[in-house]
């Protein structure tokens, strides 16, 4: 399979004949650089979302990811700006490149923050947890990825695999490899889950406390109940697609795209 991969994918360097424009210049450089304009929009939404989440944490509920609040704010901004003249000067391709650059820095600082002395001190348990976790993630993500997605199941599943075996940044990196243009819409679908994010934070907080106190049976019971509840809800809403032939999947995908 490796011999069928193009040279651009092997080296990470795009040959001259395959290069394309990063985006369109929508603002005259006499008044403001186009890249600066788009960066200012993203930083305004991101910074405003961070301040809003701080307010929510101090007065309402804490633990909501900044990413979720930022997406909701960006969605409101999109709905308000879509029917205004300003929207015609926002280029999607430039925004994608800026977000890709931010993801690269996110991964870099995430790796740089790892403390090697802590990793070496707990190398045995970490390796064992990684092996067991990898087996469980593969056993769950691969079949359920096809069961829950009519199309683009691999792109969505590789994102889940990434953050299930690491952090969200790893999920973004793997996703960008298989779907750099976000054709599948995975990023938007991921952000549109504020309730799920809150539930995940509650689970991540409660389960370690239960395991640390020796109440692993309760933790396992809660996990099993969540799994069964999700399966029942999936069956009830008829979104379970396991066993659907690939031909029918392609038909569903074509209908969606058209």
Protein backbone atom coordinates (compact mmCIF):
# COMPACT_ATOMS: atom_id res chain seq x y z
CA UNK A 1 0.00 0.00 0.00
CA UNK A 2 2.89 2.36 0.76
CA UNK A 3 4.01 2.37 -2.88
CA UNK A 4 0.61 3.75 -3.95
CA UNK A 5 0.93 6.82 -1.71
CA UNK A 6 1.88 9.97 -3.59
CA UNK A 7 5.18 11.71 -2.99
CA UNK A 8 3.38 14.70 -1.45
CA UNK A 9 1.94 12.52 1.30
CA UNK A 10 5.22 10.69 1.88
CA UNK A 11 7.35 13.80 2.31
CA UNK A 12 4.78 16.34 3.47
CA UNK A 13 6.07 18.72 0.77
CA UNK A 14 3.69 19.70 -2.04
CA UNK A 15 5.21 19.63 -5.52
CA UNK A 16 4.87 22.75 -7.66
CA UNK A 17 2.25 21.30 -10.01
CA UNK A 18 -0.04 20.31 -7.09
CA UNK A 19 0.04 23.57 -5.20
CA UNK A 20 -3.09 25.68 -4.76
CA UNK A 21 -3.94 29.08 -3.35
CA UNK A 22 -4.40 29.45 0.42
CA UNK A 23 -7.37 31.75 -0.09
CA UNK A 24 -8.67 34.92 -1.69
CA UNK A 25 -7.67 38.48 -0.89
CA UNK A 26 -10.90 40.09 0.32
CA UNK A 27 -9.47 43.26 1.94
CA UNK A 28 -7.29 45.81 0.17
CA UNK A 29 -3.77 45.85 1.60
CA UNK A 30 -3.94 49.65 1.52
CA UNK A 31 -6.31 49.60 4.50
CA UNK A 32 -5.76 46.19 6.17
CA UNK A 33 -4.04 42.93 5.29
CA UNK A 34 -6.51 40.14 4.52
CA UNK A 35 -4.74 37.62 6.76
CA UNK A 36 -4.72 40.15 9.63
CA UNK A 37 -8.46 40.77 9.15
CA UNK A 38 -9.34 37.08 9.38
CA UNK A 39 -6.97 36.53 12.29
CA UNK A 40 -8.59 39.43 14.14
CA UNK A 41 -12.04 37.87 13.64
CA UNK A 42 -10.90 34.52 15.03
CA UNK A 43 -9.05 36.07 17.96
CA UNK A 44 -12.05 38.26 18.80
CA UNK A 45 -14.40 35.27 18.83
CA UNK A 46 -11.89 33.09 20.70
CA UNK A 47 -10.98 35.72 23.28
CA UNK A 48 -14.58 36.76 23.80
CA UNK A 49 -15.60 33.12 24.23
CA UNK A 50 -12.88 32.59 26.82
CA UNK A 51 -14.06 35.59 28.84
CA UNK A 52 -17.67 34.43 28.51
CA UNK A 53 -16.77 30.96 29.75
CA UNK A 54 -14.95 32.49 32.72
CA UNK A 55 -18.11 34.40 33.59
CA UNK A 56 -20.21 31.24 33.23
CA UNK A 57 -17.79 29.29 35.43
CA UNK A 58 -17.89 31.94 38.16
CA UNK A 59 -21.65 32.51 38.19
CA UNK A 60 -23.41 29.51 36.62
CA UNK A 61 -21.58 26.22 36.00
CA UNK A 62 -17.90 25.40 35.70
CA UNK A 63 -16.15 22.80 33.58
CA UNK A 64 -17.62 23.64 30.16
CA UNK A 65 -14.82 23.39 27.56
CA UNK A 66 -13.74 26.68 26.03
CA UNK A 67 -13.95 24.96 22.63
CA UNK A 68 -17.69 24.38 23.05
CA UNK A 69 -18.43 27.97 24.10
CA UNK A 70 -16.28 29.28 21.25
CA UNK A 71 -18.16 27.22 18.70
CA UNK A 72 -21.53 28.42 19.98
CA UNK A 73 -20.35 32.04 19.87
CA UNK A 74 -18.94 31.49 16.37
CA UNK A 75 -22.24 29.93 15.28
CA UNK A 76 -24.19 32.95 16.54
CA UNK A 77 -21.69 35.22 14.79
CA UNK A 78 -22.17 33.27 11.56
CA UNK A 79 -25.97 33.49 11.76
CA UNK A 80 -25.84 37.23 12.39
CA UNK A 81 -23.21 38.02 9.75
CA UNK A 82 -24.47 35.72 6.98
CA UNK A 83 -27.05 38.21 5.74
CA UNK A 84 -24.82 41.27 6.06
CA UNK A 85 -22.28 42.72 3.59
CA UNK A 86 -19.44 41.81 5.97
CA UNK A 87 -19.93 38.09 5.30
CA UNK A 88 -18.88 38.55 1.67
CA UNK A 89 -15.39 39.52 2.84
CA UNK A 90 -14.79 36.43 4.99
CA UNK A 91 -12.89 33.68 3.17
CA UNK A 92 -13.41 30.13 4.49
CA UNK A 93 -10.11 28.81 3.14
CA UNK A 94 -8.09 31.42 5.03
CA UNK A 95 -9.94 30.60 8.24
CA UNK A 96 -9.18 26.90 7.75
CA UNK A 97 -5.46 27.65 7.35
CA UNK A 98 -5.42 29.78 10.49
CA UNK A 99 -7.15 27.03 12.48
CA UNK A 100 -4.68 24.49 11.09
CA UNK A 101 -1.76 26.62 12.27
CA UNK A 102 -3.34 26.91 15.73
CA UNK A 103 -3.71 23.12 15.86
CA UNK A 104 -0.01 22.66 15.08
CA UNK A 105 0.94 24.94 17.97
CA UNK A 106 -1.54 23.15 20.23
CA UNK A 107 0.12 19.80 19.55
CA UNK A 108 3.60 21.25 19.98
CA UNK A 109 2.91 22.81 23.38
CA UNK A 110 1.01 19.73 24.48
CA UNK A 111 4.04 17.52 23.79
CA UNK A 112 6.43 20.06 25.30
CA UNK A 113 4.45 20.09 28.56
CA UNK A 114 4.93 16.35 29.16
CA UNK A 115 7.15 15.69 32.20
CA UNK A 116 9.55 12.88 31.34
CA UNK A 117 10.46 12.21 34.98
CA UNK A 118 6.84 11.44 35.82
CA UNK A 119 6.49 9.23 32.74
CA UNK A 120 9.62 7.24 33.62
CA UNK A 121 8.54 6.82 37.26
CA UNK A 122 5.24 5.25 36.23
CA UNK A 123 6.39 3.62 32.98
CA UNK A 124 5.03 0.16 33.83
CA UNK A 125 1.45 1.16 34.69
CA UNK A 126 1.40 3.64 31.81
CA UNK A 127 2.43 1.00 29.24
CA UNK A 128 -0.11 -1.49 30.60
CA UNK A 129 -2.87 1.12 30.55
CA UNK A 130 -1.92 2.13 27.01
CA UNK A 131 -2.10 -1.46 25.73
CA UNK A 132 -5.42 -2.22 27.41
CA UNK A 133 -6.82 1.15 26.41
CA UNK A 134 -5.75 0.71 22.79
CA UNK A 135 -7.38 -2.72 22.59
CA UNK A 136 -10.63 -1.41 24.07
CA UNK A 137 -10.70 1.68 21.85
CA UNK A 138 -10.12 -0.31 18.65
CA UNK A 139 -12.71 -2.89 19.68
CA UNK A 140 -15.29 -0.15 20.23
CA UNK A 141 -14.48 2.58 17.69
CA UNK A 142 -14.19 0.44 14.56
CA UNK A 143 -17.57 -1.37 14.69
CA UNK A 144 -19.49 1.51 16.26
CA UNK A 145 -17.99 4.00 13.82
CA UNK A 146 -19.65 2.18 10.94
CA UNK A 147 -22.78 1.62 12.98
CA UNK A 148 -23.40 5.30 13.70
CA UNK A 149 -22.33 6.98 10.44
CA UNK A 150 -24.07 6.80 7.09
CA UNK A 151 -21.06 8.26 5.31
CA UNK A 152 -17.57 9.48 6.20
CA UNK A 153 -17.48 6.93 9.00
CA UNK A 154 -13.70 6.52 8.82
CA UNK A 155 -12.98 10.25 9.08
CA UNK A 156 -15.27 10.54 12.08
CA UNK A 157 -13.92 7.38 13.68
CA UNK A 158 -10.25 8.34 13.31
CA UNK A 159 -11.00 11.59 15.15
CA UNK A 160 -12.63 9.65 18.01
CA UNK A 161 -9.73 7.18 17.98
CA UNK A 162 -7.24 10.05 18.27
CA UNK A 163 -8.72 11.76 21.30
CA UNK A 164 -9.66 8.43 22.93
CA UNK A 165 -6.03 7.31 22.85
CA UNK A 166 -4.61 10.73 23.71
CA UNK A 167 -6.11 14.21 23.80
CA UNK A 168 -8.34 16.28 21.52
CA UNK A 169 -5.27 17.68 19.76
CA UNK A 170 -4.24 14.17 18.64
CA UNK A 171 -7.73 13.62 17.27
CA UNK A 172 -7.44 16.84 15.26
CA UNK A 173 -4.05 15.83 13.87
CA UNK A 174 -5.23 12.40 12.70
CA UNK A 175 -8.39 13.91 11.27
CA UNK A 176 -6.43 16.51 9.31
CA UNK A 177 -4.38 13.72 7.73
CA UNK A 178 -7.44 11.92 6.30
CA UNK A 179 -9.69 14.94 5.76
CA UNK A 180 -7.63 18.16 5.63
CA UNK A 181 -10.47 20.15 4.02
CA UNK A 182 -13.06 18.98 6.59
CA UNK A 183 -15.35 17.71 3.83
CA UNK A 184 -17.00 15.27 6.23
CA UNK A 185 -18.06 18.06 8.61
CA UNK A 186 -16.63 16.18 11.58
CA UNK A 187 -15.32 19.29 13.36
CA UNK A 188 -18.70 21.02 13.26
CA UNK A 189 -20.48 17.89 14.51
CA UNK A 190 -17.96 17.51 17.33
CA UNK A 191 -18.46 21.06 18.50
CA UNK A 192 -22.24 20.75 18.43
CA UNK A 193 -22.25 18.53 21.51
CA UNK A 194 -22.22 20.80 24.59
CA UNK A 195 -24.39 18.39 26.61
CA UNK A 196 -22.09 15.49 25.74
CA UNK A 197 -19.04 17.52 26.70
CA UNK A 198 -20.54 18.34 30.09
CA UNK A 199 -21.40 14.67 30.63
CA UNK A 200 -17.86 13.64 29.70
CA UNK A 201 -16.38 16.10 32.16
CA UNK A 202 -18.64 14.70 34.90
CA UNK A 203 -17.53 11.15 34.07
CA UNK A 204 -13.84 12.08 33.92
CA UNK A 205 -14.17 13.70 37.34
CA UNK A 206 -16.24 10.98 39.04
CA UNK A 207 -14.63 7.79 37.73
CA UNK A 208 -11.07 8.41 39.02
CA UNK A 209 -12.52 9.28 42.44
CA UNK A 210 -14.55 6.06 42.49
CA UNK A 211 -11.60 3.94 41.39
CA UNK A 212 -9.26 5.61 43.88
CA UNK A 213 -11.69 4.86 46.71
CA UNK A 214 -11.99 1.21 45.65
CA UNK A 215 -15.56 1.49 44.33
CA UNK A 216 -14.75 0.02 40.94
CA UNK A 217 -18.00 -1.96 40.83
CA UNK A 218 -20.01 1.27 40.95
CA UNK A 219 -17.83 2.80 38.23
CA UNK A 220 -18.24 -0.29 36.04
CA UNK A 221 -21.99 -0.30 36.65
CA UNK A 222 -22.33 3.34 35.66
CA UNK A 223 -20.29 2.73 32.52
CA UNK A 224 -22.40 -0.30 31.60
CA UNK A 225 -25.62 1.66 32.20
CA UNK A 226 -24.40 4.45 29.91
CA UNK A 227 -23.50 1.92 27.21
CA UNK A 228 -26.88 0.17 27.39
CA UNK A 229 -28.74 3.49 27.47
CA UNK A 230 -26.88 4.70 24.39
CA UNK A 231 -27.62 1.45 22.54
CA UNK A 232 -31.33 1.64 23.40
CA UNK A 233 -31.52 5.29 22.32
CA UNK A 234 -29.78 4.44 19.05
CA UNK A 235 -32.20 1.63 18.32
CA UNK A 236 -35.20 3.78 19.24
CA UNK A 237 -34.12 6.61 16.93
CA UNK A 238 -33.24 4.16 14.11
CA UNK A 239 -29.71 5.50 13.72
CA UNK A 240 -28.07 2.10 14.09
CA UNK A 241 -26.45 1.21 10.76
CA UNK A 242 -24.37 -1.86 11.63
CA UNK A 243 -24.85 -4.45 8.92
CA UNK A 244 -26.01 -2.00 6.26
CA UNK A 245 -24.31 -2.93 2.94
CA UNK A 246 -21.65 -0.56 1.60
CA UNK A 247 -23.69 -0.06 -1.59
CA UNK A 248 -26.60 1.29 0.42
CA UNK A 249 -24.22 3.47 2.40
CA UNK A 250 -22.94 4.99 -0.85
CA UNK A 251 -26.50 5.71 -1.97
CA UNK A 252 -27.22 7.47 1.31
CA UNK A 253 -24.00 9.44 1.01
CA UNK A 254 -24.80 10.53 -2.57
CA UNK A 255 -28.27 11.67 -1.53
CA UNK A 256 -26.75 13.71 1.25
CA UNK A 257 -24.14 15.31 -1.00
CA UNK A 258 -26.65 16.11 -3.73
